[in-house]
Protein backbone atom coordinates (compact mmCIF):
# COMPACT_ATOMS: atom_id res chain seq x y z
CA MET A 1 -22.91 6.39 29.57
CA LYS A 2 -19.78 7.65 28.44
CA ARG A 3 -18.78 6.27 25.09
CA ASN A 4 -15.24 7.42 24.74
CA HIS A 5 -12.86 7.57 27.73
CA LEU A 6 -9.28 9.04 27.84
CA ILE A 7 -7.18 6.33 29.48
CA THR A 8 -4.10 7.55 31.02
CA SER A 9 -3.29 4.59 33.39
CA SER A 10 -3.33 1.17 31.95
CA LEU A 11 -3.11 -0.21 35.40
CA LEU A 12 -6.10 1.72 36.80
CA VAL A 13 -8.17 0.53 33.81
CA ALA A 14 -7.06 -3.17 34.18
CA THR A 15 -7.84 -3.38 37.83
CA ALA A 16 -11.30 -1.69 37.42
CA ALA A 17 -12.11 -4.23 34.42
CA THR A 18 -11.09 -7.19 36.68
CA ALA A 19 -13.33 -6.04 39.43
CA SER A 20 -16.01 -5.53 37.20
CA LEU A 21 -16.07 -8.84 35.45
CA ALA A 22 -15.67 -10.61 38.81
CA GLY A 23 -18.69 -8.66 40.09
CA LEU A 24 -20.66 -9.35 36.86
CA ALA A 25 -20.02 -13.07 36.98
CA GLY A 26 -21.25 -13.08 40.54
CA THR A 27 -24.34 -11.27 39.89
CA THR A 28 -25.46 -13.22 36.87
CA ALA A 29 -25.27 -16.40 38.97
CA ALA A 30 -27.43 -14.84 41.91
CA THR A 31 -29.90 -13.41 39.47
CA ALA A 32 -30.52 -16.66 37.80
CA ALA A 33 -30.94 -18.41 41.12
CA ASP A 34 -33.28 -15.52 42.43
CA ARG A 35 -35.98 -15.58 40.02
CA ASP A 36 -39.30 -16.22 41.61
CA HIS A 37 -42.74 -16.32 39.62
CA GLY A 38 -41.28 -14.18 36.59
CA ARG A 39 -39.51 -11.87 38.66
CA ALA A 40 -35.92 -11.25 39.72
CA ALA A 41 -34.47 -10.36 43.16
CA THR A 42 -31.54 -8.53 41.53
CA TYR A 43 -31.35 -6.52 38.54
CA LEU A 44 -27.99 -5.46 37.02
CA LEU A 45 -27.23 -1.94 35.90
CA THR A 46 -24.59 -0.97 33.49
CA GLY A 47 -22.02 1.32 34.89
CA ASP A 48 -19.15 3.59 33.59
CA PRO A 49 -15.74 2.19 33.89
CA VAL A 50 -13.39 3.83 36.46
CA ASP A 51 -10.75 5.82 34.52
CA ALA A 52 -9.10 9.20 34.51
CA SER A 53 -12.11 10.86 32.79
CA ASN A 54 -14.47 9.00 35.22
CA PRO A 55 -12.79 8.75 38.42
CA ALA A 56 -15.89 8.21 40.63
CA GLY A 57 -17.44 5.33 38.93
CA SER A 58 -21.28 5.11 38.49
CA LYS A 59 -23.58 6.08 41.30
CA PHE A 60 -27.43 5.77 41.11
CA GLU A 61 -30.46 7.35 42.83
CA GLY A 62 -33.89 7.42 41.31
CA ILE A 63 -36.41 4.89 40.12
CA GLY A 64 -39.52 5.07 38.21
CA ALA A 65 -42.20 2.27 37.61
CA ASP A 66 -44.40 1.50 34.64
CA GLU A 67 -46.69 -0.85 36.17
CA LYS A 68 -48.90 -1.28 32.90
CA ARG A 69 -45.83 -2.15 30.91
CA GLY A 70 -43.93 -3.82 33.48
CA ARG A 71 -40.85 -1.61 33.06
CA PHE A 72 -38.70 0.43 35.57
CA TYR A 73 -36.32 3.38 34.90
CA VAL A 74 -33.21 4.25 37.04
CA SER A 75 -31.46 7.47 37.11
CA GLU A 76 -27.56 7.74 37.15
CA VAL A 77 -26.18 10.63 39.20
CA THR A 78 -22.55 10.49 37.72
CA GLY A 79 -23.57 11.61 34.15
CA GLY A 80 -27.23 11.77 34.15
CA GLU A 81 -27.79 8.36 32.03
CA LEU A 82 -31.19 6.75 32.24
CA HIS A 83 -31.38 3.15 32.37
CA ARG A 84 -34.42 0.84 31.80
CA GLY A 85 -35.37 -2.61 33.00
CA LYS A 86 -38.11 -5.01 32.67
CA VAL A 87 -39.55 -7.17 35.47
CA GLY A 88 -38.15 -10.82 35.15
CA THR A 89 -35.17 -9.77 32.95
CA ALA A 90 -32.04 -9.56 35.25
CA ARG A 91 -30.21 -7.29 33.17
CA THR A 92 -31.09 -3.45 32.47
CA GLN A 93 -29.96 -1.42 29.46
CA GLU A 94 -28.96 2.25 29.11
CA TRP A 95 -31.94 3.78 27.74
CA LEU A 96 -31.00 7.54 27.32
CA ALA A 97 -27.31 8.77 27.30
CA GLY A 98 -26.10 11.39 29.73
CA ASN A 99 -23.00 13.68 29.81
CA GLY A 100 -24.64 16.62 28.21
CA THR A 101 -27.71 14.86 26.37
CA ASP A 102 -30.69 17.34 26.25
CA GLY A 103 -28.51 19.28 28.76
CA ARG A 104 -28.45 16.53 31.34
CA TYR A 105 -25.34 15.98 33.49
CA THR A 106 -26.99 14.29 36.38
CA ALA A 107 -30.40 12.91 37.47
CA ARG A 108 -32.26 12.16 40.53
CA GLY A 109 -35.91 11.34 40.91
CA VAL A 110 -37.89 9.48 38.34
CA THR A 111 -41.59 8.59 37.91
CA VAL A 112 -44.00 7.30 35.08
CA ASP A 113 -47.61 8.48 34.19
CA ALA A 114 -50.29 6.37 32.82
CA LYS A 115 -49.43 7.13 29.47
CA GLY A 116 -45.83 5.83 30.02
CA ARG A 117 -44.16 9.19 30.02
CA VAL A 118 -41.07 9.37 32.02
CA TYR A 119 -40.34 12.42 34.32
CA VAL A 120 -36.80 13.18 35.52
CA ALA A 121 -35.67 15.62 38.44
CA GLY A 122 -32.28 17.04 37.71
CA GLY A 123 -31.22 17.55 41.41
CA PRO A 124 -28.21 20.14 41.14
CA ASN A 125 -28.16 19.92 37.12
CA GLY A 126 -28.74 23.85 36.86
CA ILE A 127 -26.76 24.83 40.15
CA SER A 128 -23.34 26.63 39.31
CA ASN A 129 -20.18 24.68 40.37
CA GLY A 130 -18.99 28.02 41.57
CA GLY A 131 -16.97 29.29 38.39
CA PRO A 132 -16.84 32.85 37.22
CA ASN A 133 -20.26 33.83 35.78
CA GLY A 134 -21.91 30.67 36.67
CA ILE A 135 -19.52 28.81 34.52
CA ASP A 136 -17.73 25.71 35.84
CA PRO A 137 -13.95 25.12 35.18
CA ALA A 138 -14.94 23.03 32.20
CA GLY A 139 -16.57 25.88 30.47
CA THR A 140 -20.27 24.58 31.04
CA ASP A 141 -22.76 27.22 31.62
CA ASN A 142 -24.67 25.43 34.49
CA ALA A 143 -27.12 28.46 34.92
CA SER A 144 -28.54 27.41 31.51
CA ARG A 145 -29.12 23.90 32.12
CA PRO A 146 -32.56 22.37 32.51
CA ASP A 147 -33.80 21.29 36.06
CA LEU A 148 -36.13 18.58 34.81
CA TRP A 149 -37.18 16.51 31.74
CA VAL A 150 -40.28 14.80 30.34
CA TYR A 151 -39.76 11.82 27.93
CA ALA A 152 -42.14 9.83 25.76
CA LYS A 153 -41.93 5.93 26.50
CA SER A 154 -40.27 5.76 23.04
CA GLY A 155 -37.37 7.91 24.53
CA GLU A 156 -38.37 11.23 22.48
CA LEU A 157 -37.78 14.39 24.44
CA LEU A 158 -40.93 16.07 25.09
CA ALA A 159 -39.80 18.86 27.65
CA ALA A 160 -36.69 19.96 29.18
CA LEU A 161 -37.61 22.91 31.56
CA GLN A 162 -35.73 25.35 33.88
CA ILE A 163 -37.02 26.98 37.16
CA PRO A 164 -36.91 30.51 36.26
CA GLY A 165 -35.18 32.97 38.66
CA LYS A 166 -33.40 30.92 41.26
CA PRO A 167 -31.18 27.67 41.62
CA VAL A 168 -33.04 24.61 42.85
CA PHE A 169 -32.38 21.16 43.66
CA LEU A 170 -35.38 18.98 42.27
CA ASN A 171 -35.11 15.71 44.11
CA ASP A 172 -38.08 13.50 43.65
CA VAL A 173 -41.52 13.50 41.63
CA ALA A 174 -44.88 11.94 41.88
CA ILE A 175 -47.89 12.01 39.55
CA GLY A 176 -51.13 13.54 40.93
CA PRO A 177 -54.49 12.73 40.57
CA ASP A 178 -54.84 15.52 38.01
CA GLY A 179 -52.08 13.87 35.78
CA ALA A 180 -49.51 16.51 36.72
CA ALA A 181 -46.27 15.86 38.16
CA TYR A 182 -45.22 17.39 41.37
CA PHE A 183 -41.41 17.98 42.09
CA THR A 184 -39.81 18.48 45.47
CA ASN A 185 -37.05 20.96 45.91
CA SER A 186 -34.48 20.00 48.47
CA LYS A 187 -32.76 23.56 48.76
CA ASP A 188 -36.15 25.13 49.85
CA ALA A 189 -39.41 24.04 51.04
CA GLU A 190 -41.04 24.07 47.68
CA ILE A 191 -42.97 21.91 45.19
CA TYR A 192 -43.20 22.50 41.48
CA ARG A 193 -46.08 21.35 39.16
CA VAL A 194 -45.34 20.20 35.61
CA ALA A 195 -48.19 19.84 33.15
CA GLN A 196 -48.97 19.90 29.39
CA GLY A 197 -51.36 22.62 28.56
CA LYS A 198 -52.56 24.30 25.21
CA ASN A 199 -49.32 25.87 24.76
CA GLY A 200 -47.09 23.05 25.58
CA TRP A 201 -45.41 21.96 28.82
CA SER A 202 -44.76 24.39 31.56
CA VAL A 203 -43.46 24.50 35.19
CA ARG A 204 -44.80 26.53 38.03
CA LEU A 205 -44.34 27.02 41.68
CA TRP A 206 -47.37 25.16 43.11
CA ALA A 207 -46.67 25.36 46.99
CA ASP A 208 -44.11 27.39 48.82
CA ALA A 209 -44.06 26.21 52.50
CA THR A 210 -40.88 28.10 53.66
CA ALA A 211 -42.80 29.92 56.11
CA LYS A 212 -43.97 26.77 57.88
CA ILE A 213 -41.04 24.41 57.02
CA ALA A 214 -37.79 25.72 58.37
CA GLY A 215 -35.00 24.83 56.15
CA GLN A 216 -32.08 23.03 57.67
CA PRO A 217 -28.48 21.99 56.42
CA GLY A 218 -28.61 19.07 54.13
CA PHE A 219 -31.37 17.83 52.04
CA ASN A 220 -34.85 19.17 52.87
CA LEU A 221 -37.72 18.09 50.88
CA GLY A 222 -37.41 14.75 49.07
CA GLY A 223 -39.43 11.56 48.78
CA ILE A 224 -43.10 12.25 47.76
CA VAL A 225 -46.45 10.02 47.51
CA VAL A 226 -49.93 10.72 46.83
CA SER A 227 -52.27 10.04 49.89
CA ALA A 228 -54.70 7.05 49.55
CA ASP A 229 -57.63 9.43 49.43
CA GLU A 230 -55.91 11.39 46.47
CA LYS A 231 -56.50 14.75 48.29
CA ALA A 232 -52.79 15.32 49.63
CA LEU A 233 -49.08 14.86 48.77
CA VAL A 234 -46.99 13.49 51.59
CA VAL A 235 -43.41 14.50 51.48
CA ALA A 236 -40.30 13.55 53.49
CA GLN A 237 -37.89 16.17 54.90
CA GLY A 238 -34.86 13.92 55.23
CA ASN A 239 -32.64 16.03 57.37
CA THR A 240 -35.31 16.33 60.06
CA GLY A 241 -37.05 13.02 59.59
CA ARG A 242 -40.44 14.74 59.40
CA LEU A 243 -43.28 14.04 57.10
CA TRP A 244 -45.38 16.76 55.63
CA ARG A 245 -48.86 16.78 54.20
CA PHE A 246 -49.67 19.31 51.38
CA ALA A 247 -53.44 19.44 50.38
CA LEU A 248 -53.72 19.23 46.75
CA ALA A 249 -56.95 21.57 46.86
CA THR A 250 -54.97 24.52 48.30
CA GLY A 251 -51.37 23.78 48.80
CA LYS A 252 -51.62 24.22 52.55
CA VAL A 253 -49.19 22.27 54.48
CA ARG A 254 -49.08 20.70 57.89
CA GLN A 255 -46.96 18.27 59.73
CA VAL A 256 -47.95 14.51 59.57
CA ARG A 257 -48.41 13.02 63.25
CA THR A 258 -46.01 10.16 63.23
CA GLY A 259 -45.80 9.70 67.21
CA GLY A 260 -42.16 10.67 67.15
CA ALA A 261 -40.99 8.07 64.81
CA ASP A 262 -37.34 8.33 63.90
CA LEU A 263 -37.35 8.94 60.17
CA THR A 264 -34.03 10.94 59.75
CA ASP A 265 -32.26 10.31 56.39
CA ALA A 266 -35.85 9.58 54.99
CA ASP A 267 -35.30 9.21 51.09
CA GLY A 268 -37.57 7.22 48.95
CA LEU A 269 -41.33 6.82 49.91
CA VAL A 270 -43.48 3.99 48.58
CA LEU A 271 -47.23 3.84 49.36
CA GLN A 272 -49.22 0.48 49.11
CA GLY A 273 -52.75 1.08 50.34
CA ASN A 274 -52.13 2.08 53.97
CA ARG A 275 -48.64 0.90 54.22
CA LEU A 276 -45.83 3.58 53.85
CA THR A 277 -42.40 2.28 53.30
CA VAL A 278 -39.57 4.98 53.97
CA VAL A 279 -36.13 4.22 52.85
CA ARG A 280 -33.58 5.77 55.20
CA ASN A 281 -30.50 5.93 53.04
CA PHE A 282 -27.34 6.59 55.33
CA LYS A 283 -29.14 5.20 58.51
CA LYS A 284 -29.39 1.94 56.54
CA GLN A 285 -32.92 1.28 57.81
CA ILE A 286 -36.18 0.56 56.21
CA ALA A 287 -39.21 2.10 58.26
CA THR A 288 -42.79 0.67 57.82
CA LEU A 289 -45.69 2.93 58.80
CA ARG A 290 -49.62 2.88 58.60
CA LEU A 291 -50.51 5.86 56.95
CA SER A 292 -54.25 7.23 57.36
CA ALA A 293 -55.93 7.61 54.10
CA ASP A 294 -55.99 11.28 54.40
CA GLY A 295 -52.20 11.62 55.06
CA ARG A 296 -52.61 13.31 58.45
CA LYS A 297 -51.18 10.83 60.76
CA ALA A 298 -48.84 7.58 60.47
CA LYS A 299 -48.18 5.01 63.14
CA LEU A 300 -44.78 3.15 63.02
CA ILE A 301 -45.10 -0.44 62.72
CA ARG A 302 -41.43 -1.60 62.37
CA GLN A 303 -37.82 -0.51 61.63
CA ARG A 304 -35.66 -3.16 60.03
CA ALA A 305 -31.92 -2.92 59.00
CA SER A 306 -31.11 -2.84 55.44
CA SER A 307 -28.03 -4.27 54.03
CA PRO A 308 -24.89 -2.78 55.93
CA ASP A 309 -23.09 -2.86 52.56
CA ARG A 310 -25.36 -0.66 50.56
CA VAL A 311 -26.94 2.90 50.87
CA LEU A 312 -30.32 2.42 49.35
CA THR A 313 -32.14 5.68 48.21
CA THR A 314 -35.29 5.59 46.47
CA ALA A 315 -37.97 2.64 45.86
CA LYS A 316 -40.87 2.02 43.76
CA ALA A 317 -43.51 -1.08 43.85
CA ILE A 318 -44.19 -2.89 40.52
CA ARG A 319 -45.72 -6.30 39.58
CA GLY A 320 -46.01 -7.11 43.39
CA GLN A 321 -42.46 -6.30 44.61
CA ILE A 322 -40.63 -3.24 45.81
CA LEU A 323 -37.49 -2.43 43.97
CA TYR A 324 -34.60 -0.43 45.76
CA VAL A 325 -31.91 1.23 44.31
CA ASP A 326 -28.24 0.69 45.56
CA SER A 327 -26.68 4.20 45.25
CA LYS A 328 -22.93 3.51 45.99
CA PHE A 329 -22.89 6.74 47.70
CA ASP A 330 -20.93 5.30 50.43
CA GLU A 331 -18.04 4.50 48.05
CA GLN A 332 -15.75 7.19 46.84
CA ILE A 333 -15.03 5.29 43.97
CA ALA A 334 -17.82 3.35 43.05
CA SER A 335 -17.29 -0.18 41.59
CA GLY A 336 -19.60 -2.80 40.25
CA PRO A 337 -21.78 -4.91 40.44
CA TYR A 338 -24.26 -1.92 40.30
CA GLU A 339 -27.76 -3.25 41.35
CA VAL A 340 -31.62 -2.82 41.90
CA ILE A 341 -32.61 -5.14 44.50
CA ALA A 342 -36.00 -6.49 45.75
CA ASP A 343 -34.88 -7.50 49.28
CA PRO A 344 -33.25 -4.56 51.14
CA THR A 345 -31.59 -6.68 53.54
CA ARG A 346 -29.48 -8.67 51.32
């Protein structure tokens, strides 16, 4: 989160501060009442104040869950901060700063492995904003920025890696049964594999499905989970509403049979046993499907409306509940309260 802000309009700052305090008071009361069996129904995130140096406020997207330690991590799109929370504690804290920390100006998908290491997808972090020679108007060389990061549970940076040779939009990430992390690319139908080897951390193109999956305008590959039999990755293509199965042994891809279920704007995926939860962000729907153990077919069980006042993006299951990120993507100027919620309809 930004530590120093240039204040050019006292009226703007005062208005934002008043709104933030009002939202904070309401949220604190709600979370105290919502506690259930050591869990909270609402978790409060700390956002940036709206001022001249941060006119958009704070927007969020990714969430990673550490089941063993009862922790979860949330990524901030506006600045790239990483926030950390604990199940049952209604307030989260900023865990890692953004705004250039480790070359991170934005952050998207997040996941955690068995050792508590945190993997962060950088979205468009390394894509030029259109300035001369790949340098944006602020003078930052976007083309030299990392596309992903790996952190120890202590917060120590283990790796900051860049996809060589091309711009990518790394969207979401899942840990495979081999312990490697698999990142989806929303610009092209690709999945990248990140692992630690004898020579340190490295990233490589693991699956190129561009010949099979036609790219469409908007976001292509996004949410990703491992099938129940641990032999495949199931990936959402948000702009078309299709699900794709990538065989872990070969990288071969095939479309998941969903019986024509409407899954457009599919974003985050959560798999619990054979139940697949699909967060449909701007459609403001939560779809529940029964996914076969091999990930080859899925049957729609129900669709339900999520809160009309929120755009939920990604979600993760932890300690018996699913936590959903309220992104604030529908607000031109985002204002608090900034929240992660357990009930997507509230």
